PDB file of N, CA and C in Angstrom:
ATOM      1  N   UNK A   1     109.247  92.402  82.861  1.00  0.00           N
ATOM      2  CA  UNK A   1     108.418  92.224  84.032  1.00  0.00           C
ATOM      3  C   UNK A   1     108.261  90.735  84.288  1.00  0.00           C
ATOM      4  N   UNK A   2     108.300  90.357  85.540  1.00  0.00           N
ATOM      5  CA  UNK A   2     108.156  88.950  85.899  1.00  0.00           C
ATOM      6  C   UNK A   2     106.742  88.464  85.612  1.00  0.00           C
ATOM      7  N   UNK A   3     106.620  87.175  85.371  1.00  0.00           N
ATOM      8  CA  UNK A   3     105.318  86.583  85.059  1.00  0.00           C
ATOM      9  C   UNK A   3     104.333  86.777  86.204  1.00  0.00           C
ATOM     10  N   UNK A   4     104.795  86.677  87.464  1.00  0.00           N
ATOM     11  CA  UNK A   4     103.892  86.865  88.603  1.00  0.00           C
ATOM     12  C   UNK A   4     103.395  88.294  88.673  1.00  0.00           C
ATOM     13  N   UNK A   5     104.226  89.264  88.265  1.00  0.00           N
ATOM     14  CA  UNK A   5     103.791  90.656  88.251  1.00  0.00           C
ATOM     15  C   UNK A   5     102.749  90.872  87.159  1.00  0.00           C
ATOM     16  N   UNK A   6     102.914  90.240  86.017  1.00  0.00           N
ATOM     17  CA  UNK A   6     101.941  90.347  84.938  1.00  0.00           C
ATOM     18  C   UNK A   6     100.601  89.759  85.361  1.00  0.00           C
ATOM     19  N   UNK A   7     100.630  88.710  86.173  1.00  0.00           N
ATOM     20  CA  UNK A   7      99.402  88.055  86.620  1.00  0.00           C
ATOM     21  C   UNK A   7      98.527  89.001  87.442  1.00  0.00           C
ATOM     22  N   UNK A   8      99.115  90.027  88.030  1.00  0.00           N
ATOM     23  CA  UNK A   8      98.333  91.010  88.777  1.00  0.00           C
ATOM     24  C   UNK A   8      97.300  91.687  87.892  1.00  0.00           C
ATOM     25  N   UNK A   9      97.617  91.809  86.618  1.00  0.00           N
ATOM     26  CA  UNK A   9      96.752  92.531  85.693  1.00  0.00           C
ATOM     27  C   UNK A   9      95.809  91.604  84.938  1.00  0.00           C
ATOM     28  N   UNK A  10      95.839  90.302  85.254  1.00  0.00           N
ATOM     29  CA  UNK A  10      95.017  89.324  84.549  1.00  0.00           C
ATOM     30  C   UNK A  10      93.739  88.953  85.296  1.00  0.00           C
ATOM     31  N   UNK A  11      93.407  89.694  86.335  1.00  0.00           N
ATOM     32  CA  UNK A  11      92.203  89.382  87.086  1.00  0.00           C
ATOM     33  C   UNK A  11      91.532  90.667  87.548  1.00  0.00           C
ATOM     34  N   UNK A  12      90.290  90.525  87.987  1.00  0.00           N
ATOM     35  CA  UNK A  12      89.570  91.663  88.554  1.00  0.00           C
ATOM     36  C   UNK A  12      89.763  91.654  90.062  1.00  0.00           C
ATOM     37  N   UNK A  13      89.531  92.814  90.651  1.00  0.00           N
ATOM     38  CA  UNK A  13      89.681  92.981  92.085  1.00  0.00           C
ATOM     39  C   UNK A  13      88.421  93.598  92.655  1.00  0.00           C
ATOM     40  N   UNK A  14      88.104  93.196  93.883  1.00  0.00           N
ATOM     41  CA  UNK A  14      86.965  93.768  94.599  1.00  0.00           C
ATOM     42  C   UNK A  14      87.517  94.694  95.666  1.00  0.00           C
ATOM     43  N   UNK A  15      86.973  95.908  95.734  1.00  0.00           N
ATOM     44  CA  UNK A  15      87.405  96.878  96.738  1.00  0.00           C
ATOM     45  C   UNK A  15      86.997  96.366  98.119  1.00  0.00           C
ATOM     46  N   UNK A  16      87.966  96.345  99.029  1.00  0.00           N
ATOM     47  CA  UNK A  16      87.711  95.959 100.418  1.00  0.00           C
ATOM     48  C   UNK A  16      87.457  97.216 101.245  1.00  0.00           C
ATOM     49  N   UNK A  17      88.343  98.235 101.091  1.00  0.00           N
ATOM     50  CA  UNK A  17      88.204  99.463 101.871  1.00  0.00           C
ATOM     51  C   UNK A  17      89.134 100.535 101.338  1.00  0.00           C
ATOM     52  N   UNK A  18      88.849 101.769 101.717  1.00  0.00           N
ATOM     53  CA  UNK A  18      89.759 102.891 101.515  1.00  0.00           C
ATOM     54  C   UNK A  18      90.146 103.351 102.910  1.00  0.00           C
ATOM     55  N   UNK A  19      91.451 103.247 103.228  1.00  0.00           N
ATOM     56  CA  UNK A  19      91.941 103.626 104.556  1.00  0.00           C
ATOM     57  C   UNK A  19      93.192 104.472 104.407  1.00  0.00           C
ATOM     58  N   UNK A  20      93.207 105.622 105.062  1.00  0.00           N
ATOM     59  CA  UNK A  20      94.388 106.484 105.067  1.00  0.00           C
ATOM     60  C   UNK A  20      94.915 106.726 103.660  1.00  0.00           C
ATOM     61  N   UNK A  21      94.030 107.043 102.735  1.00  0.00           N
ATOM     62  CA  UNK A  21      94.398 107.308 101.338  1.00  0.00           C
ATOM     63  C   UNK A  21      95.046 106.115 100.648  1.00  0.00           C
ATOM     64  N   UNK A  22      94.714 104.913 101.104  1.00  0.00           N
ATOM     65  CA  UNK A  22      95.186 103.685 100.461  1.00  0.00           C
ATOM     66  C   UNK A  22      93.974 102.840 100.097  1.00  0.00           C
ATOM     67  N   UNK A  23      94.068 102.202  98.960  1.00  0.00           N
ATOM     68  CA  UNK A  23      92.988 101.351  98.484  1.00  0.00           C
ATOM     69  C   UNK A  23      93.343  99.895  98.754  1.00  0.00           C
ATOM     70  N   UNK A  24      92.477  99.189  99.467  1.00  0.00           N
ATOM     71  CA  UNK A  24      92.668  97.762  99.730  1.00  0.00           C
ATOM     72  C   UNK A  24      91.730  96.992  98.813  1.00  0.00           C
ATOM     73  N   UNK A  25      92.303  96.083  98.022  1.00  0.00           N
ATOM     74  CA  UNK A  25      91.515  95.275  97.086  1.00  0.00           C
ATOM     75  C   UNK A  25      91.885  93.804  97.238  1.00  0.00           C
ATOM     76  N   UNK A  26      90.942  92.922  96.862  1.00  0.00           N
ATOM     77  CA  UNK A  26      91.166  91.474  96.920  1.00  0.00           C
ATOM     78  C   UNK A  26      90.921  90.879  95.549  1.00  0.00           C
ATOM     79  N   UNK A  27      91.881  90.102  95.062  1.00  0.00           N
ATOM     80  CA  UNK A  27      91.747  89.456  93.763  1.00  0.00           C
ATOM     81  C   UNK A  27      90.628  88.434  93.758  1.00  0.00           C
ATOM     82  N   UNK A  28      89.799  88.462  92.721  1.00  0.00           N
ATOM     83  CA  UNK A  28      88.689  87.506  92.643  1.00  0.00           C
ATOM     84  C   UNK A  28      89.184  86.085  92.453  1.00  0.00           C
ATOM     85  N   UNK A  29      90.253  85.911  91.670  1.00  0.00           N
ATOM     86  CA  UNK A  29      90.774  84.564  91.411  1.00  0.00           C
ATOM     87  C   UNK A  29      91.757  84.121  92.490  1.00  0.00           C
ATOM     88  N   UNK A  30      92.672  84.994  92.857  1.00  0.00           N
ATOM     89  CA  UNK A  30      93.744  84.611  93.776  1.00  0.00           C
ATOM     90  C   UNK A  30      93.366  84.765  95.236  1.00  0.00           C
ATOM     91  N   UNK A  31      92.466  85.699  95.542  1.00  0.00           N
ATOM     92  CA  UNK A  31      92.139  85.992  96.936  1.00  0.00           C
ATOM     93  C   UNK A  31      93.191  86.856  97.612  1.00  0.00           C
ATOM     94  N   UNK A  32      94.237  87.210  96.865  1.00  0.00           N
ATOM     95  CA  UNK A  32      95.322  88.020  97.406  1.00  0.00           C
ATOM     96  C   UNK A  32      94.837  89.448  97.664  1.00  0.00           C
ATOM     97  N   UNK A  33      95.205  89.986  98.832  1.00  0.00           N
ATOM     98  CA  UNK A  33      94.845  91.354  99.178  1.00  0.00           C
ATOM     99  C   UNK A  33      96.016  92.262  98.835  1.00  0.00           C
ATOM    100  N   UNK A  34      95.728  93.333  98.092  1.00  0.00           N
ATOM    101  CA  UNK A  34      96.745  94.303  97.700  1.00  0.00           C
ATOM    102  C   UNK A  34      96.414  95.657  98.297  1.00  0.00           C
ATOM    103  N   UNK A  35      97.448  96.404  98.636  1.00  0.00           N
ATOM    104  CA  UNK A  35      97.294  97.782  99.079  1.00  0.00           C
ATOM    105  C   UNK A  35      97.847  98.671  97.987  1.00  0.00           C
ATOM    106  N   UNK A  36      97.030  99.583  97.510  1.00  0.00           N
ATOM    107  CA  UNK A  36      97.429 100.473  96.426  1.00  0.00           C
ATOM    108  C   UNK A  36      97.586 101.876  97.003  1.00  0.00           C
ATOM    109  N   UNK A  37      98.775 102.432  96.816  1.00  0.00           N
ATOM    110  CA  UNK A  37      99.072 103.788  97.258  1.00  0.00           C
ATOM    111  C   UNK A  37      99.066 104.696  96.040  1.00  0.00           C
ATOM    112  N   UNK A  38      98.083 105.569  95.929  1.00  0.00           N
ATOM    113  CA  UNK A  38      98.015 106.443  94.757  1.00  0.00           C
ATOM    114  C   UNK A  38      99.003 107.603  94.859  1.00  0.00           C
ATOM    115  N   UNK A  39      99.075 108.351  93.802  1.00  0.00           N
ATOM    116  CA  UNK A  39      99.883 109.561  93.817  1.00  0.00           C
ATOM    117  C   UNK A  39      99.230 110.552  94.777  1.00  0.00           C
ATOM    118  N   UNK A  40     100.018 111.321  95.525  1.00  0.00           N
ATOM    119  CA  UNK A  40      99.453 112.241  96.524  1.00  0.00           C
ATOM    120  C   UNK A  40      98.460 113.248  95.950  1.00  0.00           C
ATOM    121  N   UNK A  41      98.657 113.658  94.696  1.00  0.00           N
ATOM    122  CA  UNK A  41      97.739 114.630  94.121  1.00  0.00           C
ATOM    123  C   UNK A  41      96.431 114.011  93.639  1.00  0.00           C
ATOM    124  N   UNK A  42      96.290 112.691  93.780  1.00  0.00           N
ATOM    125  CA  UNK A  42      95.064 111.994  93.401  1.00  0.00           C
ATOM    126  C   UNK A  42      94.520 111.227  94.602  1.00  0.00           C
ATOM    127  N   UNK A  43      93.881 111.921  95.553  1.00  0.00           N
ATOM    128  CA  UNK A  43      93.386 111.230  96.740  1.00  0.00           C
ATOM    129  C   UNK A  43      92.236 110.273  96.403  1.00  0.00           C
ATOM    130  N   UNK A  44      92.138 109.225  97.172  1.00  0.00           N
ATOM    131  CA  UNK A  44      91.063 108.247  96.998  1.00  0.00           C
ATOM    132  C   UNK A  44      89.970 108.513  98.023  1.00  0.00           C
ATOM    133  N   UNK A  45      88.731 108.293  97.618  1.00  0.00           N
ATOM    134  CA  UNK A  45      87.619 108.453  98.546  1.00  0.00           C
ATOM    135  C   UNK A  45      86.734 107.213  98.499  1.00  0.00           C
ATOM    136  N   UNK A  46      86.003 107.005  99.581  1.00  0.00           N
ATOM    137  CA  UNK A  46      85.092 105.871  99.646  1.00  0.00           C
ATOM    138  C   UNK A  46      83.939 106.052  98.653  1.00  0.00           C
ATOM    139  N   UNK A  47      83.625 107.295  98.309  1.00  0.00           N
ATOM    140  CA  UNK A  47      82.577 107.535  97.318  1.00  0.00           C
ATOM    141  C   UNK A  47      83.018 107.042  95.934  1.00  0.00           C
ATOM    142  N   UNK A  48      84.299 107.203  95.618  1.00  0.00           N
ATOM    143  CA  UNK A  48      84.821 106.739  94.328  1.00  0.00           C
ATOM    144  C   UNK A  48      85.031 105.223  94.311  1.00  0.00           C
ATOM    145  N   UNK A  49      85.392 104.664  95.446  1.00  0.00           N
ATOM    146  CA  UNK A  49      85.705 103.231  95.552  1.00  0.00           C
ATOM    147  C   UNK A  49      84.939 102.612  96.712  1.00  0.00           C
ATOM    148  N   UNK A  50      83.625 102.436  96.571  1.00  0.00           N
ATOM    149  CA  UNK A  50      82.856 101.834  97.662  1.00  0.00           C
ATOM    150  C   UNK A  50      83.214 100.357  97.817  1.00  0.00           C
ATOM    151  N   UNK A  51      83.159  99.838  99.042  1.00  0.00           N
ATOM    152  CA  UNK A  51      83.423  98.412  99.246  1.00  0.00           C
ATOM    153  C   UNK A  51      82.518  97.561  98.360  1.00  0.00           C
ATOM    154  N   UNK A  52      83.121  96.559  97.737  1.00  0.00           N
ATOM    155  CA  UNK A  52      82.381  95.658  96.852  1.00  0.00           C
ATOM    156  C   UNK A  52      82.498  96.001  95.380  1.00  0.00           C
ATOM    157  N   UNK A  53      82.964  97.208  95.061  1.00  0.00           N
ATOM    158  CA  UNK A  53      83.100  97.615  93.660  1.00  0.00           C
ATOM    159  C   UNK A  53      84.171  96.771  92.977  1.00  0.00           C
ATOM    160  N   UNK A  54      83.915  96.351  91.742  1.00  0.00           N
ATOM    161  CA  UNK A  54      84.889  95.600  90.966  1.00  0.00           C
ATOM    162  C   UNK A  54      85.741  96.562  90.148  1.00  0.00           C
ATOM    163  N   UNK A  55      87.068  96.336  90.165  1.00  0.00           N
ATOM    164  CA  UNK A  55      87.971  97.170  89.378  1.00  0.00           C
ATOM    165  C   UNK A  55      88.991  96.285  88.669  1.00  0.00           C
ATOM    166  N   UNK A  56      89.567  96.821  87.614  1.00  0.00           N
ATOM    167  CA  UNK A  56      90.671  96.185  86.898  1.00  0.00           C
ATOM    168  C   UNK A  56      91.907  97.040  87.135  1.00  0.00           C
ATOM    169  N   UNK A  57      93.045  96.411  87.271  1.00  0.00           N
ATOM    170  CA  UNK A  57      94.300  97.127  87.391  1.00  0.00           C
ATOM    171  C   UNK A  57      94.952  97.205  86.012  1.00  0.00           C
ATOM    172  N   UNK A  58      95.578  98.326  85.719  1.00  0.00           N
ATOM    173  CA  UNK A  58      96.273  98.463  84.443  1.00  0.00           C
ATOM    174  C   UNK A  58      97.768  98.512  84.692  1.00  0.00           C
ATOM    175  N   UNK A  59      98.510  97.985  83.764  1.00  0.00           N
ATOM    176  CA  UNK A  59      99.953  97.926  83.850  1.00  0.00           C
ATOM    177  C   UNK A  59     100.530  99.290  83.444  1.00  0.00           C
ATOM    178  N   UNK A  60     101.155 100.025  84.359  1.00  0.00           N
ATOM    179  CA  UNK A  60     101.677 101.345  84.016  1.00  0.00           C
ATOM    180  C   UNK A  60     102.817 101.296  82.999  1.00  0.00           C
ATOM    181  N   UNK A  61     103.470 100.161  82.853  1.00  0.00           N
ATOM    182  CA  UNK A  61     104.558 100.065  81.873  1.00  0.00           C
ATOM    183  C   UNK A  61     104.040 100.035  80.447  1.00  0.00           C
ATOM    184  N   UNK A  62     102.746  99.812  80.269  1.00  0.00           N
ATOM    185  CA  UNK A  62     102.176  99.805  78.931  1.00  0.00           C
ATOM    186  C   UNK A  62     101.543 101.139  78.548  1.00  0.00           C
ATOM    187  N   UNK A  63     101.521 102.086  79.492  1.00  0.00           N
ATOM    188  CA  UNK A  63     100.953 103.407  79.233  1.00  0.00           C
ATOM    189  C   UNK A  63     101.932 104.226  78.405  1.00  0.00           C
ATOM    190  N   UNK A  64     101.426 105.014  77.465  1.00  0.00           N
ATOM    191  CA  UNK A  64     102.341 105.875  76.674  1.00  0.00           C
ATOM    192  C   UNK A  64     102.963 106.950  77.562  1.00  0.00           C
ATOM    193  N   UNK A  65     104.204 107.304  77.255  1.00  0.00           N
ATOM    194  CA  UNK A  65     104.877 108.347  78.002  1.00  0.00           C
ATOM    195  C   UNK A  65     104.370 109.706  77.545  1.00  0.00           C
ATOM    196  N   UNK A  66     104.441 110.683  78.433  1.00  0.00           N
ATOM    197  CA  UNK A  66     103.998 112.052  78.090  1.00  0.00           C
ATOM    198  C   UNK A  66     104.903 112.670  77.082  1.00  0.00           C
TER     199      UNK A  66
END
């Protein structure tokens, strides 16, 4: 994985909005806005991700395989 991709997981993100089943977040350090598209069977709701909530992103390549 590239170093810039790893940097995505080295900061916290603040939820900006949930729109059309996509999560918009802004990095606290970088200010970069990311759009996260979840798996279709896991819909996102504003109740789960209210604007202003702080979240951490996890690297899926480090997750154990099933």
